[in-house]
Amino acid sequence: MVDKKETKAAAKVEKKTEIKKETVEKAKPKAVEKKPIKKQKKSREDIETELRSLDILKYPLITEKAVNMIEAENKLIFVVNKNATKPMVKEAVEKLYKVKVSAVNIIRDMKSRKKAIVTISKEFKADDIATKLGVI
């Protein structure tokens, strides 16, 4: 009888260890193969021009006056690099936002920032660009 009890106990232990092994194996996450997302590849030149444009334009200015200019006069205001010129700002805005710029005015304010007031041509709306930027 002792032999039967020992074999039954050994069988129970073996079943428990088998169940534990199965649950451990099931719990291991399997490596999920990710499918590559196909994006349009930009050429090196496109990337470099975007980076240069982002170096020129620091950020859009969001004030009450700036929002009024966007809505009423079709103008955007950007804080730009201290070394930026009018043609540089015009080119940067045209390439980044794919719009036509009719005029650029540059101002230095009392906080030692350089601001560019960019007039967008009538074919495009400054509201659309402002919503893309999250200004409005």
N, C-alpha and C. Protein backbone atom coordinates (compact mmCIF):
# COMPACT_ATOMS: atom_id res chain seq x y z
N MET A 1 0.80 -1.19 0.00
CA MET A 1 0.00 0.00 0.00
C MET A 1 0.84 1.26 0.00
N VAL A 2 1.96 1.16 0.62
CA VAL A 2 2.83 2.33 0.68
C VAL A 2 3.29 2.71 -0.72
N ASP A 3 3.57 1.71 -1.52
CA ASP A 3 4.03 1.97 -2.88
C ASP A 3 2.94 2.66 -3.71
N LYS A 4 1.68 2.25 -3.52
CA LYS A 4 0.59 2.87 -4.27
C LYS A 4 0.40 4.32 -3.87
N LYS A 5 0.49 4.60 -2.57
CA LYS A 5 0.33 5.98 -2.10
C LYS A 5 1.46 6.86 -2.63
N GLU A 6 2.65 6.32 -2.61
CA GLU A 6 3.80 7.09 -3.10
C GLU A 6 3.66 7.37 -4.59
N THR A 7 3.22 6.42 -5.35
CA THR A 7 3.07 6.62 -6.79
C THR A 7 1.94 7.61 -7.09
N LYS A 8 0.84 7.55 -6.31
CA LYS A 8 -0.24 8.51 -6.49
C LYS A 8 0.23 9.92 -6.17
N ALA A 9 0.99 10.08 -5.10
CA ALA A 9 1.50 11.39 -4.71
C ALA A 9 2.48 11.90 -5.76
N ALA A 10 3.31 11.02 -6.25
CA ALA A 10 4.27 11.41 -7.29
C ALA A 10 3.55 11.81 -8.56
N ALA A 11 2.48 11.12 -8.91
CA ALA A 11 1.70 11.44 -10.10
C ALA A 11 1.03 12.81 -9.96
N LYS A 12 0.49 13.10 -8.76
CA LYS A 12 -0.13 14.40 -8.52
C LYS A 12 0.89 15.53 -8.66
N VAL A 13 2.07 15.33 -8.11
CA VAL A 13 3.14 16.34 -8.19
C VAL A 13 3.54 16.58 -9.64
N GLU A 14 3.65 15.47 -10.41
CA GLU A 14 4.00 15.59 -11.82
C GLU A 14 2.93 16.36 -12.58
N LYS A 15 1.65 16.12 -12.31
CA LYS A 15 0.57 16.83 -12.99
C LYS A 15 0.63 18.33 -12.67
N LYS A 16 0.85 18.65 -11.39
CA LYS A 16 0.92 20.05 -10.99
C LYS A 16 2.07 20.76 -11.69
N THR A 17 3.23 20.10 -11.75
CA THR A 17 4.38 20.73 -12.41
C THR A 17 4.12 20.89 -13.90
N GLU A 18 3.43 19.92 -14.51
CA GLU A 18 3.10 20.04 -15.93
C GLU A 18 2.16 21.21 -16.16
N ILE A 19 1.16 21.37 -15.30
CA ILE A 19 0.22 22.48 -15.43
C ILE A 19 0.94 23.80 -15.26
N LYS A 20 1.84 23.87 -14.29
CA LYS A 20 2.59 25.11 -14.07
C LYS A 20 3.46 25.43 -15.28
N LYS A 21 4.11 24.42 -15.87
CA LYS A 21 4.94 24.64 -17.05
C LYS A 21 4.10 25.16 -18.20
N GLU A 22 2.91 24.59 -18.39
CA GLU A 22 2.04 25.03 -19.48
C GLU A 22 1.60 26.47 -19.29
N THR A 23 1.22 26.82 -18.06
CA THR A 23 0.78 28.20 -17.83
C THR A 23 1.93 29.18 -18.00
N VAL A 24 3.13 28.78 -17.59
CA VAL A 24 4.29 29.65 -17.78
C VAL A 24 4.57 29.83 -19.26
N GLU A 25 4.47 28.75 -20.02
CA GLU A 25 4.71 28.84 -21.45
C GLU A 25 3.64 29.70 -22.12
N LYS A 26 2.40 29.60 -21.68
CA LYS A 26 1.34 30.41 -22.25
C LYS A 26 1.49 31.87 -21.88
N ALA A 27 2.01 32.14 -20.71
CA ALA A 27 2.13 33.52 -20.25
C ALA A 27 3.22 34.29 -20.97
N LYS A 28 4.19 33.58 -21.55
CA LYS A 28 5.26 34.27 -22.25
C LYS A 28 4.70 34.95 -23.49
N PRO A 29 4.95 36.23 -23.66
CA PRO A 29 4.44 36.91 -24.86
C PRO A 29 5.26 36.51 -26.08
N LYS A 30 4.57 36.29 -27.13
CA LYS A 30 5.24 35.92 -28.37
C LYS A 30 5.66 37.19 -29.09
N ALA A 31 6.74 37.11 -29.80
CA ALA A 31 7.23 38.25 -30.55
C ALA A 31 6.27 38.53 -31.69
N VAL A 32 5.76 39.74 -31.72
CA VAL A 32 4.82 40.15 -32.75
C VAL A 32 5.59 40.82 -33.87
N GLU A 33 5.40 40.32 -35.04
CA GLU A 33 6.08 40.91 -36.18
C GLU A 33 5.30 42.14 -36.63
N LYS A 34 5.98 43.27 -36.66
CA LYS A 34 5.33 44.50 -37.09
C LYS A 34 5.55 44.69 -38.58
N LYS A 35 4.49 45.04 -39.22
CA LYS A 35 4.60 45.31 -40.65
C LYS A 35 5.12 46.73 -40.82
N PRO A 36 6.07 46.92 -41.67
CA PRO A 36 6.58 48.28 -41.85
C PRO A 36 5.54 49.17 -42.50
N ILE A 37 5.43 50.37 -41.98
CA ILE A 37 4.49 51.34 -42.53
C ILE A 37 5.16 52.02 -43.72
N LYS A 38 4.47 51.98 -44.82
CA LYS A 38 5.05 52.59 -46.02
C LYS A 38 4.75 54.08 -46.01
N LYS A 39 5.81 54.83 -45.97
CA LYS A 39 5.68 56.28 -46.03
C LYS A 39 6.38 56.76 -47.29
N GLN A 40 5.97 57.93 -47.70
CA GLN A 40 6.65 58.50 -48.84
C GLN A 40 8.03 58.93 -48.39
N LYS A 41 9.01 58.43 -49.08
CA LYS A 41 10.37 58.76 -48.70
C LYS A 41 10.71 60.15 -49.21
N LYS A 42 11.25 60.95 -48.30
CA LYS A 42 11.67 62.28 -48.67
C LYS A 42 13.15 62.21 -49.03
N SER A 43 13.50 62.98 -49.99
CA SER A 43 14.90 63.00 -50.36
C SER A 43 15.70 63.75 -49.30
N ARG A 44 16.97 63.57 -49.33
CA ARG A 44 17.85 64.21 -48.36
C ARG A 44 17.76 65.74 -48.45
N GLU A 45 17.62 66.23 -49.67
CA GLU A 45 17.52 67.68 -49.89
C GLU A 45 16.25 68.24 -49.25
N ASP A 46 15.13 67.51 -49.38
CA ASP A 46 13.88 67.96 -48.78
C ASP A 46 14.00 68.04 -47.26
N ILE A 47 14.62 67.05 -46.68
CA ILE A 47 14.79 67.03 -45.23
C ILE A 47 15.69 68.18 -44.78
N GLU A 48 16.77 68.42 -45.52
CA GLU A 48 17.69 69.50 -45.16
C GLU A 48 17.01 70.86 -45.27
N THR A 49 16.19 71.07 -46.30
CA THR A 49 15.50 72.36 -46.42
C THR A 49 14.48 72.54 -45.31
N GLU A 50 13.80 71.45 -44.92
CA GLU A 50 12.86 71.55 -43.80
C GLU A 50 13.58 71.91 -42.51
N LEU A 51 14.73 71.30 -42.29
CA LEU A 51 15.49 71.60 -41.07
C LEU A 51 15.98 73.04 -41.07
N ARG A 52 16.42 73.50 -42.24
CA ARG A 52 16.85 74.91 -42.31
C ARG A 52 15.68 75.84 -42.06
N SER A 53 14.52 75.49 -42.60
CA SER A 53 13.33 76.30 -42.38
C SER A 53 12.94 76.32 -40.91
N LEU A 54 13.08 75.17 -40.25
CA LEU A 54 12.75 75.12 -38.83
C LEU A 54 13.78 75.87 -37.99
N ASP A 55 15.00 75.99 -38.49
CA ASP A 55 16.00 76.80 -37.78
C ASP A 55 15.65 78.29 -37.88
N ILE A 56 15.07 78.67 -38.99
CA ILE A 56 14.72 80.09 -39.19
C ILE A 56 13.49 80.45 -38.37
N LEU A 57 12.42 79.67 -38.49
CA LEU A 57 11.18 79.92 -37.76
C LEU A 57 11.23 79.20 -36.42
N LYS A 58 11.20 79.95 -35.32
CA LYS A 58 11.24 79.30 -34.01
C LYS A 58 9.86 78.81 -33.62
N TYR A 59 8.90 79.74 -33.54
CA TYR A 59 7.54 79.35 -33.16
C TYR A 59 6.57 80.47 -33.55
N PRO A 60 5.27 80.11 -33.74
CA PRO A 60 4.28 81.15 -34.04
C PRO A 60 3.92 81.90 -32.76
N LEU A 61 3.67 83.16 -32.91
CA LEU A 61 3.31 83.99 -31.76
C LEU A 61 1.80 83.96 -31.58
N ILE A 62 1.37 83.69 -30.36
CA ILE A 62 -0.05 83.59 -30.07
C ILE A 62 -0.42 84.65 -29.06
N THR A 63 -0.90 85.76 -29.53
CA THR A 63 -1.42 86.81 -28.67
C THR A 63 -2.78 87.22 -29.22
N GLU A 64 -3.46 88.07 -28.48
CA GLU A 64 -4.76 88.53 -28.94
C GLU A 64 -4.62 89.31 -30.25
N LYS A 65 -3.59 90.13 -30.32
CA LYS A 65 -3.35 90.92 -31.52
C LYS A 65 -3.01 90.01 -32.71
N ALA A 66 -2.23 88.98 -32.45
CA ALA A 66 -1.86 88.04 -33.52
C ALA A 66 -3.08 87.30 -34.05
N VAL A 67 -3.96 86.88 -33.16
CA VAL A 67 -5.17 86.17 -33.58
C VAL A 67 -6.07 87.11 -34.39
N ASN A 68 -6.17 88.37 -33.99
CA ASN A 68 -6.96 89.34 -34.76
C ASN A 68 -6.36 89.54 -36.15
N MET A 69 -5.03 89.55 -36.24
CA MET A 69 -4.39 89.71 -37.55
C MET A 69 -4.63 88.50 -38.44
N ILE A 70 -4.66 87.33 -37.84
CA ILE A 70 -4.94 86.12 -38.62
C ILE A 70 -6.34 86.19 -39.22
N GLU A 71 -7.30 86.57 -38.40
CA GLU A 71 -8.69 86.57 -38.85
C GLU A 71 -9.01 87.73 -39.79
N ALA A 72 -8.50 88.92 -39.50
CA ALA A 72 -8.90 90.10 -40.26
C ALA A 72 -8.00 90.38 -41.46
N GLU A 73 -6.68 90.21 -41.29
CA GLU A 73 -5.74 90.66 -42.31
C GLU A 73 -5.01 89.55 -43.05
N ASN A 74 -5.31 88.29 -42.72
CA ASN A 74 -4.66 87.15 -43.37
C ASN A 74 -3.14 87.17 -43.16
N LYS A 75 -2.72 87.45 -41.91
CA LYS A 75 -1.31 87.53 -41.57
C LYS A 75 -1.00 86.58 -40.42
N LEU A 76 0.22 86.05 -40.43
CA LEU A 76 0.73 85.20 -39.35
C LEU A 76 1.95 85.88 -38.74
N ILE A 77 2.16 85.68 -37.45
CA ILE A 77 3.32 86.25 -36.78
C ILE A 77 4.16 85.10 -36.23
N PHE A 78 5.45 85.13 -36.58
CA PHE A 78 6.40 84.13 -36.10
C PHE A 78 7.53 84.81 -35.37
N VAL A 79 8.04 84.17 -34.34
CA VAL A 79 9.29 84.57 -33.73
C VAL A 79 10.36 83.82 -34.51
N VAL A 80 11.35 84.58 -35.02
CA VAL A 80 12.33 83.99 -35.92
C VAL A 80 13.73 84.10 -35.33
N ASN A 81 14.66 83.44 -35.98
CA ASN A 81 16.06 83.48 -35.60
C ASN A 81 16.59 84.92 -35.71
N LYS A 82 17.52 85.27 -34.87
CA LYS A 82 18.05 86.64 -34.87
C LYS A 82 18.77 86.98 -36.16
N ASN A 83 19.27 85.99 -36.87
CA ASN A 83 20.01 86.23 -38.12
C ASN A 83 19.12 86.10 -39.35
N ALA A 84 17.84 85.87 -39.18
CA ALA A 84 16.93 85.66 -40.31
C ALA A 84 16.67 86.96 -41.05
N THR A 85 16.56 86.84 -42.36
CA THR A 85 16.23 88.00 -43.20
C THR A 85 14.84 87.78 -43.81
N LYS A 86 14.31 88.82 -44.46
CA LYS A 86 12.98 88.70 -45.06
C LYS A 86 12.91 87.59 -46.11
N PRO A 87 13.87 87.52 -47.04
CA PRO A 87 13.79 86.42 -48.03
C PRO A 87 13.89 85.04 -47.39
N MET A 88 14.68 84.91 -46.34
CA MET A 88 14.81 83.62 -45.67
C MET A 88 13.49 83.22 -45.02
N VAL A 89 12.82 84.17 -44.37
CA VAL A 89 11.54 83.89 -43.72
C VAL A 89 10.49 83.55 -44.76
N LYS A 90 10.46 84.28 -45.85
CA LYS A 90 9.49 84.03 -46.91
C LYS A 90 9.66 82.62 -47.48
N GLU A 91 10.88 82.24 -47.77
CA GLU A 91 11.16 80.92 -48.32
C GLU A 91 10.79 79.81 -47.32
N ALA A 92 11.11 80.04 -46.05
CA ALA A 92 10.83 79.04 -45.02
C ALA A 92 9.33 78.81 -44.87
N VAL A 93 8.55 79.87 -44.82
CA VAL A 93 7.10 79.74 -44.67
C VAL A 93 6.50 79.07 -45.91
N GLU A 94 6.96 79.45 -47.09
CA GLU A 94 6.43 78.85 -48.31
C GLU A 94 6.72 77.35 -48.38
N LYS A 95 7.91 76.95 -47.97
CA LYS A 95 8.27 75.53 -48.06
C LYS A 95 7.61 74.71 -46.97
N LEU A 96 7.55 75.23 -45.76
CA LEU A 96 6.97 74.45 -44.66
C LEU A 96 5.47 74.29 -44.78
N TYR A 97 4.77 75.37 -45.11
CA TYR A 97 3.31 75.35 -45.08
C TYR A 97 2.68 75.32 -46.47
N LYS A 98 3.50 75.30 -47.52
CA LYS A 98 3.03 75.18 -48.90
C LYS A 98 1.98 76.24 -49.24
N VAL A 99 2.33 77.48 -48.96
CA VAL A 99 1.49 78.62 -49.29
C VAL A 99 2.33 79.65 -50.03
N LYS A 100 1.66 80.66 -50.57
CA LYS A 100 2.37 81.74 -51.24
C LYS A 100 2.36 82.95 -50.32
N VAL A 101 3.53 83.52 -50.09
CA VAL A 101 3.67 84.67 -49.20
C VAL A 101 3.77 85.91 -50.05
N SER A 102 2.98 86.93 -49.73
CA SER A 102 3.03 88.16 -50.51
C SER A 102 3.96 89.20 -49.89
N ALA A 103 4.11 89.22 -48.56
CA ALA A 103 4.99 90.20 -47.93
C ALA A 103 5.47 89.72 -46.57
N VAL A 104 6.64 90.22 -46.16
CA VAL A 104 7.19 89.91 -44.85
C VAL A 104 7.70 91.20 -44.23
N ASN A 105 7.28 91.48 -43.01
CA ASN A 105 7.81 92.60 -42.24
C ASN A 105 8.49 92.04 -41.01
N ILE A 106 9.64 92.62 -40.66
CA ILE A 106 10.39 92.13 -39.51
C ILE A 106 10.48 93.23 -38.46
N ILE A 107 10.25 92.85 -37.20
CA ILE A 107 10.26 93.78 -36.08
C ILE A 107 11.11 93.19 -34.96
N ARG A 108 11.85 94.04 -34.27
CA ARG A 108 12.52 93.63 -33.03
C ARG A 108 11.72 94.24 -31.89
N ASP A 109 11.31 93.39 -30.95
CA ASP A 109 10.48 93.91 -29.87
C ASP A 109 11.30 94.17 -28.62
N MET A 110 10.62 94.64 -27.57
CA MET A 110 11.30 95.03 -26.33
C MET A 110 11.85 93.83 -25.55
N LYS A 111 11.41 92.64 -25.87
CA LYS A 111 11.90 91.44 -25.19
C LYS A 111 13.08 90.83 -25.94
N SER A 112 13.69 91.59 -26.83
CA SER A 112 14.84 91.20 -27.66
C SER A 112 14.54 89.99 -28.54
N ARG A 113 13.30 89.89 -29.00
CA ARG A 113 12.93 88.86 -29.96
C ARG A 113 12.84 89.50 -31.33
N LYS A 114 13.00 88.69 -32.35
CA LYS A 114 12.80 89.16 -33.71
C LYS A 114 11.53 88.52 -34.22
N LYS A 115 10.54 89.35 -34.55
CA LYS A 115 9.25 88.85 -35.01
C LYS A 115 9.09 89.13 -36.50
N ALA A 116 8.50 88.18 -37.19
CA ALA A 116 8.21 88.35 -38.61
C ALA A 116 6.70 88.31 -38.80
N ILE A 117 6.17 89.36 -39.40
CA ILE A 117 4.76 89.41 -39.74
C ILE A 117 4.65 89.01 -41.21
N VAL A 118 4.05 87.85 -41.44
CA VAL A 118 4.00 87.26 -42.78
C VAL A 118 2.60 87.42 -43.33
N THR A 119 2.50 88.11 -44.47
CA THR A 119 1.21 88.28 -45.14
C THR A 119 1.05 87.16 -46.15
N ILE A 120 0.00 86.39 -45.98
CA ILE A 120 -0.29 85.27 -46.88
C ILE A 120 -1.11 85.81 -48.05
N SER A 121 -0.82 85.32 -49.27
CA SER A 121 -1.56 85.81 -50.43
C SER A 121 -3.04 85.42 -50.32
N LYS A 122 -3.86 86.09 -51.11
CA LYS A 122 -5.32 85.92 -51.02
C LYS A 122 -5.79 84.53 -51.44
N GLU A 123 -4.96 83.82 -52.17
CA GLU A 123 -5.34 82.48 -52.63
C GLU A 123 -5.43 81.50 -51.45
N PHE A 124 -4.68 81.77 -50.39
CA PHE A 124 -4.63 80.88 -49.23
C PHE A 124 -5.19 81.60 -48.01
N LYS A 125 -5.56 80.83 -47.00
CA LYS A 125 -6.12 81.41 -45.78
C LYS A 125 -5.16 81.18 -44.61
N ALA A 126 -4.92 82.23 -43.87
CA ALA A 126 -4.08 82.12 -42.69
C ALA A 126 -4.78 81.30 -41.60
N ASP A 127 -6.11 81.28 -41.63
CA ASP A 127 -6.88 80.48 -40.66
C ASP A 127 -6.53 78.99 -40.77
N ASP A 128 -6.38 78.52 -42.01
CA ASP A 128 -6.06 77.10 -42.22
C ASP A 128 -4.69 76.75 -41.64
N ILE A 129 -3.73 77.62 -41.89
CA ILE A 129 -2.38 77.38 -41.37
C ILE A 129 -2.38 77.47 -39.84
N ALA A 130 -3.12 78.42 -39.31
CA ALA A 130 -3.19 78.59 -37.85
C ALA A 130 -3.81 77.38 -37.19
N THR A 131 -4.81 76.77 -37.81
CA THR A 131 -5.42 75.59 -37.22
C THR A 131 -4.45 74.40 -37.28
N LYS A 132 -3.65 74.30 -38.34
CA LYS A 132 -2.63 73.27 -38.42
C LYS A 132 -1.59 73.44 -37.31
N LEU A 133 -1.27 74.70 -37.03
CA LEU A 133 -0.27 75.00 -36.00
C LEU A 133 -0.85 74.89 -34.59
N GLY A 134 -2.15 74.89 -34.48
CA GLY A 134 -2.79 74.82 -33.17
C GLY A 134 -2.94 76.18 -32.50
N VAL A 135 -2.82 77.24 -33.28
CA VAL A 135 -2.96 78.59 -32.75
C VAL A 135 -4.42 78.90 -32.46
N ILE A 136 -5.27 78.54 -33.39
CA ILE A 136 -6.71 78.81 -33.23
C ILE A 136 -7.43 77.50 -32.99
